[in-house]
Protein backbone atom coordinates (compact mmCIF):
# COMPACT_ATOMS: atom_id res chain seq x y z
CA MET A 1 0.00 -0.01 -0.02
CA THR A 2 1.11 3.57 -0.67
CA ASN A 3 0.46 6.88 0.87
CA ALA A 4 1.98 10.11 -0.23
CA SER A 5 3.14 12.49 2.34
CA ALA A 6 4.41 15.96 1.98
CA THR A 7 8.18 16.12 1.12
CA PRO A 8 10.48 18.90 -0.04
CA GLN A 9 11.00 16.86 -3.24
CA ILE A 10 7.29 16.96 -4.10
CA ALA A 11 6.95 20.54 -3.24
CA ALA A 12 9.82 21.44 -5.42
CA GLN A 13 8.66 19.55 -8.49
CA ASN A 14 4.99 20.05 -8.12
CA PRO A 15 3.89 22.75 -5.64
CA HIS A 16 0.14 21.88 -6.37
CA PHE A 17 0.48 18.19 -5.42
CA HIS A 18 -1.34 18.56 -2.11
CA ASP A 19 -3.90 21.12 -3.24
CA PRO A 20 -7.35 19.43 -2.78
CA ASP A 21 -8.39 20.99 -6.06
CA TRP A 22 -5.28 19.86 -7.88
CA TRP A 23 -7.37 18.03 -10.54
CA ARG A 24 -9.16 21.23 -11.62
CA ASN A 25 -6.09 22.49 -13.55
CA ALA A 26 -4.13 19.33 -13.91
CA VAL A 27 -2.18 18.38 -17.01
CA VAL A 28 -2.52 14.57 -17.28
CA TYR A 29 -0.28 12.44 -19.53
CA GLN A 30 -1.90 9.33 -20.89
CA VAL A 31 0.26 6.18 -20.98
CA TYR A 32 -0.70 3.29 -23.16
CA PRO A 33 1.26 0.57 -21.25
CA ARG A 34 1.69 -1.82 -24.16
CA SER A 35 3.38 0.86 -26.16
CA PHE A 36 5.21 3.06 -23.71
CA ALA A 37 8.38 1.40 -22.54
CA ASP A 38 9.61 -2.24 -22.56
CA ALA A 39 11.81 -3.00 -19.59
CA ASP A 40 11.91 -6.76 -19.95
CA ASN A 41 12.70 -6.56 -23.75
CA ASN A 42 9.91 -8.80 -25.06
CA GLY A 43 8.43 -6.29 -27.53
CA THR A 44 5.61 -5.23 -25.19
CA GLY A 45 5.56 -2.29 -22.82
CA ASP A 46 5.26 -2.98 -19.02
CA VAL A 47 4.90 -1.39 -15.60
CA GLN A 48 8.67 -1.38 -14.95
CA GLY A 49 9.02 0.41 -18.25
CA ILE A 50 6.60 3.10 -17.07
CA ILE A 51 8.53 3.40 -13.81
CA SER A 52 11.72 3.94 -15.68
CA LYS A 53 10.23 6.94 -17.48
CA LEU A 54 8.62 8.57 -14.50
CA PRO A 55 11.50 11.07 -14.09
CA TYR A 56 10.93 11.97 -17.81
CA LEU A 57 7.36 12.81 -17.02
CA ALA A 58 8.23 14.75 -13.95
CA ASP A 59 10.72 16.79 -15.93
CA LEU A 60 8.18 17.26 -18.72
CA GLY A 61 6.08 19.14 -16.18
CA VAL A 62 2.78 17.24 -16.17
CA ASP A 63 0.78 16.82 -12.92
CA ALA A 64 -0.41 13.29 -13.35
CA LEU A 65 -0.32 10.21 -15.52
CA TRP A 66 -3.24 8.10 -16.72
CA VAL A 67 -2.33 4.52 -17.24
CA SER A 68 -4.61 2.77 -19.73
CA PRO A 69 -5.75 -0.76 -18.67
CA TRP A 70 -3.02 -2.81 -17.18
CA TYR A 71 -5.34 -5.58 -15.91
CA PRO A 72 -5.17 -9.37 -16.86
CA SER A 73 -6.75 -9.53 -20.32
CA PRO A 74 -6.51 -11.56 -23.48
CA LEU A 75 -5.91 -8.22 -25.26
CA LEU A 76 -8.57 -8.73 -27.85
CA ASP A 77 -9.39 -5.01 -27.52
CA GLY A 78 -6.15 -3.51 -26.24
CA GLY A 79 -6.78 -4.31 -22.57
CA TYR A 80 -10.31 -2.91 -22.45
CA ASP A 81 -11.45 -6.55 -22.21
CA VAL A 82 -10.75 -7.03 -18.52
CA ALA A 83 -10.49 -10.52 -17.00
CA ASP A 84 -9.60 -9.43 -13.45
CA TYR A 85 -10.17 -5.86 -12.08
CA ARG A 86 -7.92 -6.45 -9.09
CA ASP A 87 -4.72 -7.53 -10.57
CA ILE A 88 -1.98 -6.68 -13.07
CA SER A 89 -1.54 -8.53 -16.39
CA PRO A 90 1.50 -10.84 -16.24
CA ARG A 91 2.36 -9.23 -19.60
CA PHE A 92 2.85 -5.98 -17.75
CA GLY A 93 4.09 -7.02 -14.34
CA THR A 94 2.65 -7.66 -10.86
CA LEU A 95 0.78 -5.89 -8.08
CA ALA A 96 4.23 -5.25 -6.49
CA ASP A 97 5.19 -3.33 -9.64
CA ALA A 98 1.96 -1.30 -9.41
CA ASP A 99 2.67 -0.35 -5.81
CA GLU A 100 6.25 0.64 -6.76
CA LEU A 101 4.93 2.86 -9.66
CA LEU A 102 2.45 4.57 -7.36
CA ALA A 103 5.01 5.15 -4.67
CA THR A 104 7.61 6.48 -7.08
CA ALA A 105 5.15 8.67 -8.94
CA HIS A 106 4.07 10.25 -5.68
CA ARG A 107 7.55 10.92 -4.57
CA LEU A 108 8.08 12.77 -7.94
CA GLY A 109 4.92 14.88 -7.49
CA LEU A 110 2.86 12.92 -9.99
CA ARG A 111 -0.78 11.82 -9.34
CA VAL A 112 -1.88 8.56 -10.98
CA PHE A 113 -5.18 7.68 -12.63
CA ILE A 114 -6.02 4.19 -14.01
CA ASP A 115 -8.81 3.01 -16.21
CA LEU A 116 -12.14 1.70 -14.96
CA VAL A 117 -13.94 -0.42 -17.56
CA PRO A 118 -17.39 -0.82 -16.13
CA ASN A 119 -19.58 -1.41 -19.16
CA HIS A 120 -18.22 -4.90 -19.95
CA SER A 121 -15.72 -7.46 -18.94
CA SER A 122 -13.63 -9.99 -20.93
CA TRP A 123 -15.32 -13.20 -21.83
CA ASP A 124 -12.38 -14.70 -19.89
CA HIS A 125 -13.59 -13.11 -16.64
CA PRO A 126 -14.42 -15.97 -14.13
CA LEU A 127 -17.93 -14.55 -13.59
CA PHE A 128 -18.70 -14.74 -17.32
CA GLN A 129 -17.25 -18.13 -17.63
CA ALA A 130 -19.48 -19.26 -14.63
CA ALA A 131 -22.45 -17.57 -16.30
CA LEU A 132 -21.75 -19.67 -19.52
CA ALA A 133 -21.68 -22.80 -17.52
CA ALA A 134 -24.87 -21.98 -15.62
CA ALA A 135 -28.43 -22.48 -16.73
CA PRO A 136 -30.71 -19.82 -18.13
CA GLY A 137 -32.31 -17.66 -15.44
CA SER A 138 -29.54 -18.51 -12.98
CA PRO A 139 -28.00 -15.83 -10.66
CA GLU A 140 -24.74 -16.26 -12.57
CA ARG A 141 -26.34 -15.31 -15.85
CA GLU A 142 -28.14 -12.33 -14.32
CA LEU A 143 -24.73 -10.60 -13.88
CA TYR A 144 -24.80 -10.11 -17.70
CA TYR A 145 -27.38 -9.76 -20.35
CA PHE A 146 -28.35 -13.27 -21.39
CA ARG A 147 -31.65 -13.47 -23.40
CA ASP A 148 -33.53 -15.98 -25.47
CA GLY A 149 -33.54 -15.34 -29.20
CA ARG A 150 -36.43 -14.33 -31.30
CA GLY A 151 -38.01 -16.19 -34.09
CA GLU A 152 -39.41 -19.81 -34.14
CA ASN A 153 -36.30 -21.43 -32.90
CA GLY A 154 -34.61 -18.41 -31.28
CA ASP A 155 -32.34 -18.11 -34.15
CA LEU A 156 -32.67 -14.31 -34.25
CA PRO A 157 -30.95 -11.98 -31.78
CA PRO A 158 -33.07 -10.60 -29.01
CA ASN A 159 -33.11 -7.16 -30.63
CA ASN A 160 -31.43 -5.33 -33.59
CA TRP A 161 -28.67 -3.61 -31.70
CA GLY A 162 -25.34 -3.23 -33.50
CA SER A 163 -21.87 -3.51 -32.14
CA MET A 164 -19.67 -0.36 -31.97
CA PHE A 165 -17.00 -2.52 -33.68
CA GLY A 166 -19.18 -3.74 -36.42
CA GLY A 167 -21.72 -6.56 -36.73
CA PRO A 168 -24.56 -7.46 -34.35
CA ALA A 169 -24.34 -6.72 -30.65
CA TRP A 170 -25.45 -10.22 -29.72
CA SER A 171 -23.67 -13.55 -29.97
CA ARG A 172 -25.22 -16.90 -29.35
CA THR A 173 -24.00 -19.35 -26.90
CA THR A 174 -23.84 -23.18 -27.19
CA ASN A 175 -25.46 -25.50 -24.64
CA PRO A 176 -23.43 -28.35 -23.06
CA ASP A 177 -25.12 -30.76 -25.38
CA GLY A 178 -24.09 -28.90 -28.37
CA THR A 179 -27.49 -27.31 -29.14
CA PRO A 180 -27.83 -23.52 -29.67
CA GLY A 181 -28.31 -21.61 -26.44
CA GLN A 182 -29.14 -18.13 -25.32
CA TRP A 183 -27.71 -14.92 -26.73
CA TYR A 184 -25.46 -12.52 -24.73
CA LEU A 185 -25.10 -8.73 -25.32
CA HIS A 186 -21.75 -7.10 -26.21
CA MET A 187 -22.08 -3.46 -27.25
CA PHE A 188 -18.36 -3.72 -28.28
CA ASP A 189 -16.36 -6.76 -29.32
CA VAL A 190 -17.80 -10.26 -29.09
CA SER A 191 -15.15 -10.84 -26.42
CA GLN A 192 -16.59 -8.09 -24.15
CA PRO A 193 -19.97 -9.13 -22.66
CA ASP A 194 -21.97 -6.28 -21.09
CA TRP A 195 -22.49 -6.23 -17.31
CA ASN A 196 -26.12 -5.99 -16.14
CA TRP A 197 -26.02 -2.96 -13.85
CA ASP A 198 -29.66 -3.58 -12.89
CA ASN A 199 -28.47 -6.44 -10.81
CA PRO A 200 -27.38 -5.05 -7.31
CA ALA A 201 -24.42 -7.49 -7.27
CA VAL A 202 -22.75 -5.51 -10.11
CA PRO A 203 -22.55 -2.13 -8.48
CA ALA A 204 -21.40 -3.86 -5.35
CA LEU A 205 -18.60 -5.51 -7.22
CA PHE A 206 -17.30 -2.27 -8.63
CA ASP A 207 -17.51 -0.62 -5.18
CA ASP A 208 -14.99 -3.17 -4.10
CA VAL A 209 -12.89 -2.59 -7.17
CA LEU A 210 -12.69 1.19 -6.45
CA ARG A 211 -11.69 0.61 -2.83
CA PHE A 212 -9.14 -1.92 -3.81
CA TRP A 213 -7.22 0.51 -5.92
CA PHE A 214 -7.88 3.59 -3.73
CA ASP A 215 -6.45 1.76 -0.78
CA ARG A 216 -3.25 1.09 -2.76
CA GLY A 217 -2.88 4.79 -3.49
CA VAL A 218 -4.49 5.34 -6.94
CA ASP A 219 -5.56 8.94 -7.17
CA GLY A 220 -8.45 8.49 -9.62
CA PHE A 221 -10.13 6.72 -12.36
CA ARG A 222 -10.75 7.52 -16.05
CA ILE A 223 -14.19 5.85 -16.68
CA ASP A 224 -14.31 4.06 -19.99
CA VAL A 225 -17.64 4.72 -21.96
CA ALA A 226 -19.18 6.32 -18.84
CA ASP A 227 -22.53 6.75 -20.69
CA ALA A 228 -23.00 3.11 -21.39
CA MET A 229 -23.63 1.18 -18.23
CA ALA A 230 -27.36 1.63 -17.80
CA LYS A 231 -29.71 0.32 -20.50
CA ASP A 232 -33.53 0.17 -20.92
CA PRO A 233 -34.49 -3.08 -19.31
CA ALA A 234 -36.93 -3.79 -22.12
CA LEU A 235 -33.98 -3.71 -24.62
CA PRO A 236 -36.16 -2.36 -27.38
CA ASP A 237 -35.19 -2.24 -31.07
CA VAL A 238 -33.69 1.02 -32.38
CA THR A 239 -33.63 2.65 -35.80
CA LEU A 240 -31.81 0.57 -38.39
CA SER A 241 -28.60 1.99 -39.89
CA PRO A 242 -28.78 2.19 -43.74
CA PHE A 243 -25.09 1.50 -43.75
CA THR A 244 -24.79 -1.63 -41.57
CA GLY A 245 -28.23 -3.22 -41.49
CA HIS A 246 -28.09 -3.28 -37.75
CA GLY A 247 -29.47 -0.84 -35.21
CA THR A 248 -27.79 2.56 -35.16
CA ASN A 249 -25.43 3.49 -32.30
CA ASP A 250 -26.14 7.18 -32.36
CA LYS A 251 -26.47 8.71 -28.94
CA ARG A 252 -29.61 10.75 -29.43
CA GLU A 253 -31.62 11.80 -26.49
CA GLY A 254 -33.91 8.96 -25.30
CA SER A 255 -31.56 6.15 -26.51
CA PRO A 256 -32.15 2.87 -24.66
CA GLN A 257 -28.47 2.16 -25.05
CA TRP A 258 -26.50 5.33 -24.20
CA ASP A 259 -26.87 7.96 -21.42
CA TYR A 260 -29.89 6.05 -20.05
CA PRO A 261 -31.14 7.62 -16.73
CA GLY A 262 -29.59 4.82 -14.61
CA VAL A 263 -26.10 6.24 -15.05
CA GLU A 264 -26.86 9.03 -12.57
CA ALA A 265 -27.31 6.71 -9.59
CA ILE A 266 -24.14 4.79 -10.53
CA GLN A 267 -22.09 8.01 -10.70
CA ARG A 268 -23.38 9.34 -7.37
CA ARG A 269 -22.50 6.01 -5.78
CA TRP A 270 -18.96 6.21 -7.03
CA ARG A 271 -18.60 9.79 -5.82
CA ALA A 272 -19.62 8.75 -2.37
CA VAL A 273 -16.81 6.11 -2.34
CA ALA A 274 -14.30 8.75 -3.49
CA ARG A 275 -15.28 10.92 -0.60
CA GLU A 276 -14.58 8.16 1.91
CA TYR A 277 -10.91 9.09 1.30
CA ALA A 278 -11.21 12.87 1.79
CA ASP A 279 -9.19 12.72 5.00
CA SER A 280 -6.46 10.52 3.74
CA ASP A 281 -2.96 11.79 2.69
CA LEU A 282 -3.90 11.79 -0.95
CA GLY A 283 -7.37 13.37 -0.35
CA GLU A 284 -10.65 12.70 -2.17
CA ARG A 285 -10.14 10.42 -5.12
CA VAL A 286 -11.18 11.81 -8.62
CA PHE A 287 -13.08 10.59 -11.67
CA VAL A 288 -12.90 11.79 -15.28
CA ALA A 289 -15.52 10.48 -17.68
CA GLU A 290 -15.21 9.35 -21.31
CA ALA A 291 -18.61 10.15 -22.90
CA TYR A 292 -19.34 11.46 -26.39
CA LEU A 293 -22.64 13.23 -25.94
CA ASP A 294 -24.38 16.12 -27.70
CA PRO A 295 -25.66 18.69 -26.88
CA ILE A 296 -23.19 19.64 -24.27
CA GLN A 297 -25.95 20.12 -21.64
CA ARG A 298 -26.28 16.32 -21.57
CA LEU A 299 -22.56 15.99 -20.82
CA ILE A 300 -22.70 18.71 -18.16
CA GLU A 301 -25.08 16.65 -16.14
CA TYR A 302 -22.20 14.19 -15.49
CA VAL A 303 -20.20 16.83 -13.61
CA THR A 304 -22.93 18.31 -11.54
CA PRO A 305 -22.28 18.27 -7.79
CA ASP A 306 -22.22 14.76 -6.29
CA ARG A 307 -21.68 13.04 -9.56
CA LEU A 308 -18.31 12.93 -11.38
CA HIS A 309 -15.44 15.49 -11.07
CA SER A 310 -14.71 16.09 -14.66
CA THR A 311 -15.33 14.84 -18.20
CA PHE A 312 -13.33 14.93 -21.45
CA ASN A 313 -14.38 17.83 -23.66
CA PHE A 314 -14.46 15.88 -27.00
CA ASP A 315 -15.70 18.90 -28.88
CA ALA A 316 -12.09 20.08 -28.82
CA LEU A 317 -10.86 16.79 -30.18
CA LEU A 318 -13.41 16.64 -32.94
CA SER A 319 -13.31 20.22 -34.10
CA GLU A 320 -11.76 21.58 -37.26
CA TRP A 321 -8.59 23.57 -37.43
CA SER A 322 -10.26 26.93 -38.00
CA ALA A 323 -10.78 30.10 -35.94
CA GLU A 324 -14.57 29.60 -36.18
CA SER A 325 -14.60 26.12 -34.98
CA GLN A 326 -12.01 26.57 -32.13
CA ARG A 327 -13.74 29.74 -30.93
CA ALA A 328 -17.13 28.07 -31.01
CA VAL A 329 -15.82 25.19 -28.84
CA ILE A 330 -14.33 27.57 -26.26
CA THR A 331 -17.39 29.79 -26.04
CA LYS A 332 -19.68 26.74 -25.66
CA SER A 333 -17.62 24.78 -23.19
CA LEU A 334 -16.48 27.23 -20.60
CA PRO A 335 -19.78 28.71 -19.56
CA ALA A 336 -21.52 25.29 -19.59
CA HIS A 337 -19.01 23.79 -17.25
CA GLY A 338 -18.80 26.87 -15.13
CA ALA A 339 -22.47 26.95 -14.54
CA VAL A 340 -22.12 23.74 -12.49
CA GLY A 341 -18.75 24.56 -10.87
CA ALA A 342 -16.87 22.01 -12.98
CA PRO A 343 -13.60 22.58 -14.92
CA THR A 344 -13.42 22.08 -18.63
CA THR A 345 -11.02 19.29 -19.52
CA TRP A 346 -9.33 19.70 -22.95
CA VAL A 347 -8.08 16.91 -25.01
CA LEU A 348 -6.62 16.74 -28.58
CA GLY A 349 -6.01 13.03 -28.91
CA ASN A 350 -5.95 9.65 -27.25
CA HIS A 351 -5.61 5.90 -27.96
CA ASP A 352 -8.78 5.81 -29.89
CA THR A 353 -8.22 8.69 -32.33
CA ILE A 354 -6.04 9.51 -35.25
CA ARG A 355 -2.99 11.44 -33.99
CA VAL A 356 -3.30 15.14 -34.07
CA VAL A 357 -0.30 15.75 -36.36
CA THR A 358 -1.95 13.59 -39.06
CA ARG A 359 -5.53 14.89 -38.49
CA PHE A 360 -4.44 18.45 -38.97
CA GLY A 361 -2.29 17.52 -41.95
CA LYS A 362 -5.30 16.26 -43.92
CA PRO A 363 -7.48 18.48 -46.10
CA GLU A 364 -10.40 17.74 -43.80
CA THR A 365 -9.22 18.41 -40.17
CA GLY A 366 -12.34 17.72 -38.11
CA THR A 367 -13.16 14.24 -36.92
CA ASN A 368 -16.85 14.81 -36.09
CA PHE A 369 -18.29 11.62 -37.48
CA ALA A 370 -21.75 12.83 -36.60
CA GLN A 371 -21.70 15.65 -39.02
CA SER A 372 -24.48 16.02 -41.51
CA VAL A 373 -23.78 15.18 -45.16
CA GLU A 374 -25.92 17.15 -47.69
CA GLY A 375 -28.50 14.85 -49.26
CA GLU A 376 -27.36 11.78 -47.22
CA GLY A 377 -28.49 12.47 -43.62
CA TRP A 378 -26.02 10.89 -41.05
CA GLU A 379 -22.56 9.90 -42.35
CA ASP A 380 -21.29 6.41 -41.61
CA PRO A 381 -18.08 6.82 -39.62
CA ALA A 382 -16.55 3.79 -41.11
CA GLU A 383 -17.12 5.02 -44.63
CA ARG A 384 -15.64 8.41 -43.73
CA THR A 385 -12.57 6.92 -42.23
CA ILE A 386 -12.09 4.67 -45.24
CA ARG A 387 -12.40 7.63 -47.51
CA MET A 388 -9.95 9.73 -45.59
CA HIS A 389 -7.32 7.09 -45.12
CA PRO A 390 -5.71 7.16 -48.64
CA ILE A 391 -5.69 10.96 -48.80
CA PRO A 392 -1.99 12.06 -48.31
CA THR A 393 -0.91 13.71 -45.07
CA ASP A 394 1.09 16.96 -45.10
CA VAL A 395 3.15 16.03 -42.03
CA GLU A 396 4.97 19.34 -41.86
CA LEU A 397 1.74 21.26 -41.99
CA GLY A 398 0.13 18.96 -39.42
CA LEU A 399 3.04 19.32 -37.08
CA ARG A 400 2.89 23.12 -37.26
CA ARG A 401 -0.74 23.07 -36.50
CA ALA A 402 -0.38 20.45 -33.72
CA ARG A 403 2.17 22.60 -32.01
CA ALA A 404 -0.09 25.65 -32.23
CA ALA A 405 -3.02 23.56 -30.93
CA ALA A 406 -0.90 22.38 -27.96
CA LEU A 407 -0.23 25.96 -26.88
CA LEU A 408 -3.89 26.78 -27.38
CA GLU A 409 -5.02 23.76 -25.33
CA LEU A 410 -2.57 24.52 -22.49
CA SER A 411 -3.55 28.14 -22.22
CA LEU A 412 -7.31 27.49 -21.62
CA PRO A 413 -9.01 27.42 -18.25
CA GLY A 414 -9.28 23.95 -16.75
CA GLY A 415 -7.37 20.74 -17.17
CA ALA A 416 -5.69 19.22 -20.17
CA TYR A 417 -4.69 15.72 -21.29
CA VAL A 418 -1.61 14.84 -23.40
CA TYR A 419 -1.51 11.50 -25.15
CA GLN A 420 1.85 9.82 -25.18
CA GLY A 421 3.95 11.04 -28.12
CA GLU A 422 2.04 14.29 -28.66
CA GLU A 423 4.98 15.96 -26.95
CA LEU A 424 7.27 14.49 -29.63
CA GLY A 425 5.08 15.47 -32.54
CA LEU A 426 4.41 11.79 -33.60
CA PRO A 427 2.19 11.32 -36.64
CA GLU A 428 -0.23 8.52 -37.23
CA VAL A 429 1.43 5.40 -38.62
CA GLU A 430 -0.85 4.94 -41.66
CA ASP A 431 0.98 2.03 -43.43
CA ILE A 432 0.96 -0.77 -40.88
CA PRO A 433 0.91 -4.04 -42.85
CA GLU A 434 -2.49 -5.56 -42.84
CA ASP A 435 -1.23 -8.82 -41.37
CA LEU A 436 0.00 -7.00 -38.26
CA LEU A 437 -3.13 -5.00 -37.49
CA ASP A 438 -4.32 -5.93 -34.03
CA ASP A 439 -7.45 -3.74 -33.41
CA PRO A 440 -10.64 -5.79 -33.42
CA THR A 441 -12.33 -3.18 -35.65
CA TRP A 442 -10.27 -4.49 -38.59
CA GLU A 443 -11.86 -7.93 -38.53
CA ARG A 444 -15.27 -6.90 -37.33
CA SER A 445 -15.60 -4.41 -40.20
CA GLY A 446 -14.83 -7.10 -42.79
CA ARG A 447 -11.31 -5.69 -43.13
CA ARG A 448 -12.45 -2.38 -44.36
CA LEU A 449 -11.76 -0.19 -41.29
CA ARG A 450 -8.12 -0.30 -40.23
CA GLY A 451 -8.88 0.64 -36.64
CA ARG A 452 -6.74 2.41 -34.00
CA ASP A 453 -3.43 0.74 -34.32
CA GLY A 454 -1.86 3.71 -36.07
CA CYS A 455 -1.92 5.84 -32.93
CA ARG A 456 -0.78 2.99 -30.68
CA VAL A 457 2.74 2.34 -32.22
CA PRO A 458 5.34 2.09 -29.45
CA MET A 459 7.17 5.25 -28.34
CA PRO A 460 10.67 6.18 -29.79
CA TRP A 461 12.98 7.04 -27.01
CA SER A 462 16.47 6.96 -28.40
CA GLY A 463 18.81 5.72 -31.09
CA GLN A 464 18.79 5.57 -34.87
CA ALA A 465 16.76 2.46 -35.60
CA SER A 466 13.85 0.46 -34.19
CA PRO A 467 13.12 -0.28 -31.35
CA PHE A 468 14.40 3.27 -30.65
CA GLY A 469 15.00 2.53 -26.96
CA PHE A 470 11.51 1.24 -26.48
CA GLY A 471 13.22 -2.05 -25.50
CA THR A 472 16.86 -3.19 -25.81
CA ASP A 473 16.69 -5.04 -29.17
CA ALA A 474 13.38 -6.93 -29.41
CA GLN A 475 11.06 -5.67 -32.17
CA PRO A 476 7.98 -3.99 -30.77
CA TRP A 477 4.51 -5.51 -31.15
CA LEU A 478 3.68 -2.84 -33.81
CA PRO A 479 6.38 -1.60 -36.25
CA GLN A 480 7.94 1.78 -35.78
CA PRO A 481 8.69 3.93 -38.87
CA ALA A 482 12.39 4.43 -39.70
CA ALA A 483 11.69 8.22 -39.94
CA TRP A 484 11.07 8.23 -36.19
CA ALA A 485 14.83 8.46 -35.76
CA ASP A 486 14.41 12.15 -36.04
CA LEU A 487 11.60 12.23 -33.49
CA THR A 488 13.08 10.44 -30.45
CA ALA A 489 12.91 12.03 -27.03
CA GLU A 490 16.72 11.75 -26.83
CA LYS A 491 17.20 13.74 -30.05
CA GLN A 492 14.54 16.37 -29.18
CA ALA A 493 15.73 16.93 -25.65
CA SER A 494 18.95 18.84 -26.78
CA ASP A 495 17.06 20.83 -29.62
CA PRO A 496 15.54 24.02 -28.29
CA GLY A 497 13.19 24.21 -31.31
CA SER A 498 11.87 20.77 -30.92
CA THR A 499 8.26 19.90 -30.09
CA LEU A 500 9.50 18.34 -26.82
CA SER A 501 11.29 21.47 -25.83
CA LEU A 502 8.07 23.45 -26.71
CA TYR A 503 6.01 21.23 -24.36
CA ARG A 504 8.53 21.52 -21.57
CA ALA A 505 8.58 25.33 -21.77
CA ALA A 506 4.78 25.56 -21.98
CA LEU A 507 4.27 23.35 -19.01
CA ALA A 508 6.90 25.23 -16.95
CA LEU A 509 5.20 28.55 -17.70
CA ARG A 510 1.76 27.07 -17.05
CA ARG A 511 2.87 25.97 -13.61
CA ALA A 512 4.83 29.14 -12.84
CA ARG A 513 2.29 31.79 -13.82
CA PRO A 514 -0.87 32.14 -11.67
CA GLU A 515 -2.95 33.44 -14.62
CA PHE A 516 -3.11 29.86 -16.00
CA ARG A 517 -4.87 28.71 -12.77
CA THR A 518 -7.01 31.68 -11.71
CA GLY A 519 -7.12 34.15 -14.65
CA GLU A 520 -10.54 34.60 -16.22
CA LEU A 521 -10.76 34.33 -20.05
CA SER A 522 -11.73 37.56 -21.86
CA TRP A 523 -11.72 37.86 -25.67
CA LEU A 524 -9.61 40.11 -27.82
CA ASP A 525 -10.71 41.19 -31.30
CA LEU A 526 -7.74 40.67 -33.69
CA GLY A 527 -9.79 39.66 -36.76
CA ALA A 528 -12.10 36.87 -37.85
CA ASP A 529 -9.17 34.54 -38.61
CA VAL A 530 -7.46 35.01 -35.18
CA VAL A 531 -8.38 33.50 -31.87
CA ALA A 532 -7.13 35.84 -29.19
CA PHE A 533 -7.89 36.23 -25.49
CA GLN A 534 -6.43 37.26 -22.17
CA ARG A 535 -6.05 35.17 -19.01
CA GLY A 536 -6.45 37.77 -16.29
CA ASP A 537 -4.84 41.10 -16.83
CA ALA A 538 -1.23 39.96 -17.45
CA LEU A 539 -1.35 37.25 -20.17
CA ALA A 540 -2.50 37.19 -23.74
CA VAL A 541 -2.83 34.24 -26.14
CA VAL A 542 -3.01 34.68 -29.91
CA VAL A 543 -3.68 31.86 -32.47
CA ASN A 544 -3.31 32.77 -36.15
CA PHE A 545 -5.65 30.66 -38.45
CA GLY A 546 -5.43 32.98 -41.33
CA SER A 547 -3.33 33.23 -44.43
CA ALA A 548 -1.21 36.22 -43.47
CA PRO A 549 1.00 37.08 -40.48
CA VAL A 550 -0.75 39.13 -37.80
CA SER A 551 0.40 41.97 -35.40
CA LEU A 552 0.52 41.16 -31.72
CA PRO A 553 -0.53 43.06 -28.60
CA ALA A 554 2.27 44.97 -26.92
CA GLY A 555 4.24 42.93 -24.31
CA GLU A 556 6.88 40.35 -23.77
CA VAL A 557 6.67 37.28 -25.92
CA LEU A 558 7.01 34.29 -23.60
CA LEU A 559 6.64 31.48 -26.02
CA THR A 560 5.67 30.77 -29.71
CA SER A 561 4.86 27.60 -31.46
CA ALA A 562 6.64 29.00 -34.55
CA PRO A 563 9.21 31.74 -34.91
CA LEU A 564 7.87 35.32 -35.35
CA VAL A 565 8.39 36.89 -38.69
CA GLU A 566 9.60 40.47 -38.28
CA GLY A 567 7.61 40.67 -35.09
CA LEU A 568 4.45 39.15 -36.65
CA LEU A 569 2.78 35.81 -35.78
CA PRO A 570 2.85 33.56 -38.85
CA LEU A 571 -0.11 31.43 -39.88
CA ASP A 572 -0.83 28.28 -38.00
CA ALA A 573 0.96 29.46 -34.96
CA THR A 574 0.20 30.34 -31.32
CA THR A 575 1.97 32.77 -29.02
CA TRP A 576 1.82 33.63 -25.24
CA ILE A 577 2.55 37.22 -24.30
CA ALA A 578 3.11 38.85 -20.97
CA LEU A 579 1.25 42.18 -20.92
């Protein structure tokens, strides 16, 4: 077990570590353990690898790290198919390694989030295996959604719901005598059966999971698909998708699958558990929710008092690279969150989305898959992704915009998340050989949708060739491009113009200047193609989305994402100015 106590070391590296409201302005670094650092040199990242890089994260200047699932798992969905919520996968290490990580992180002034995956388990979970072995209607099966099929012989699924990864959301079991049995629900991969949260045993199980990790020193949880646990008990059919032939997965208000009213009670229950730790050395534990919901008022309900602490602001991740789009996100998000006393949490990318350098290097920079297409109604996300993949990426342009976006994100009120490799300016790997693709989306989509592997390629730390210091010499589980020799952390650390140096400078200024924590945002008018605002009275931020350099307010230039041109801010660039 670990507890953090106040030490001069922590105070020096992170003066906000013991602030009870640390999470409101925290910069959190997402670690995808399989792809971060490989200490045992087997081609797969591990917990000891993460521990070895904690000084790097402390020097980078982040406040916390979020470790994506490290639980025992068959890894049929990147670890989001959990077989045991109270252990560490042997691929990654042991519980003793987890304890060491927590203790080391706290000594360095870093808080630690881990993933909670409450909508579904792995089909390898002992409780699901017990359910398969039990009879229909048994207590074991009531932990999940087992239902008889429709049709004369039960050959049709219980409803028309479609999986998020393609195909139907139901799979049929086989009875011990070999005859077809009941169907079970899996809103994601077939290997991920959905928990039945209407069964009181399920919330009780997760109460125990929360306390298990809080007692070990975990500071908070990122909640995977936080809008998915509760479902309409009647499991009614939904509108058919013209693209898939299965029910749609749009999250419109009134959906029986998403954001169903039962999620509120679940979230309040979790907040009560977090408050049990308010008087501990680490203070009340914290939740951040993953939920793609529109309009924003639905999302805001998740962070009202007594529910969750924060939620990702995916409008920022989905928005286009334009002054109009970025200004609209800011003007919508800040008042909505402020009205309920919650911080806005900004995010540019994660393990599920195309890397920001590549996204901003495409002709179409937004990733809002729910956008309307003239004459076609709602666009199929798979079709859009397939269409966009072969379009060449202007990596230089994308990096320029990604650097500017980073300074914009880090200058806004609230918290921010950085996905591993963003600080290195890593692009999406778009040419992974098909026989190496691992994401279940590839097979479930009939090998049409390549999935998320391109943003999960292991980190390049040092050297001139793969594995680039990820491990010693074993080739990583996904291939690294040779061009990444120019993007390693080692090479960028000594280059004052590198993206890594930009992030370090930005995070140091963000921690040092009080305007970034307390300064209200007020808009400046520098033209339609410029996003400009002040934080308090002493700091200005200017982002140029136009086609020509722009003049800057009078003051001291603290930081720019690209060099000024005769005192002017070039296009696709951001600057911070002390007034």
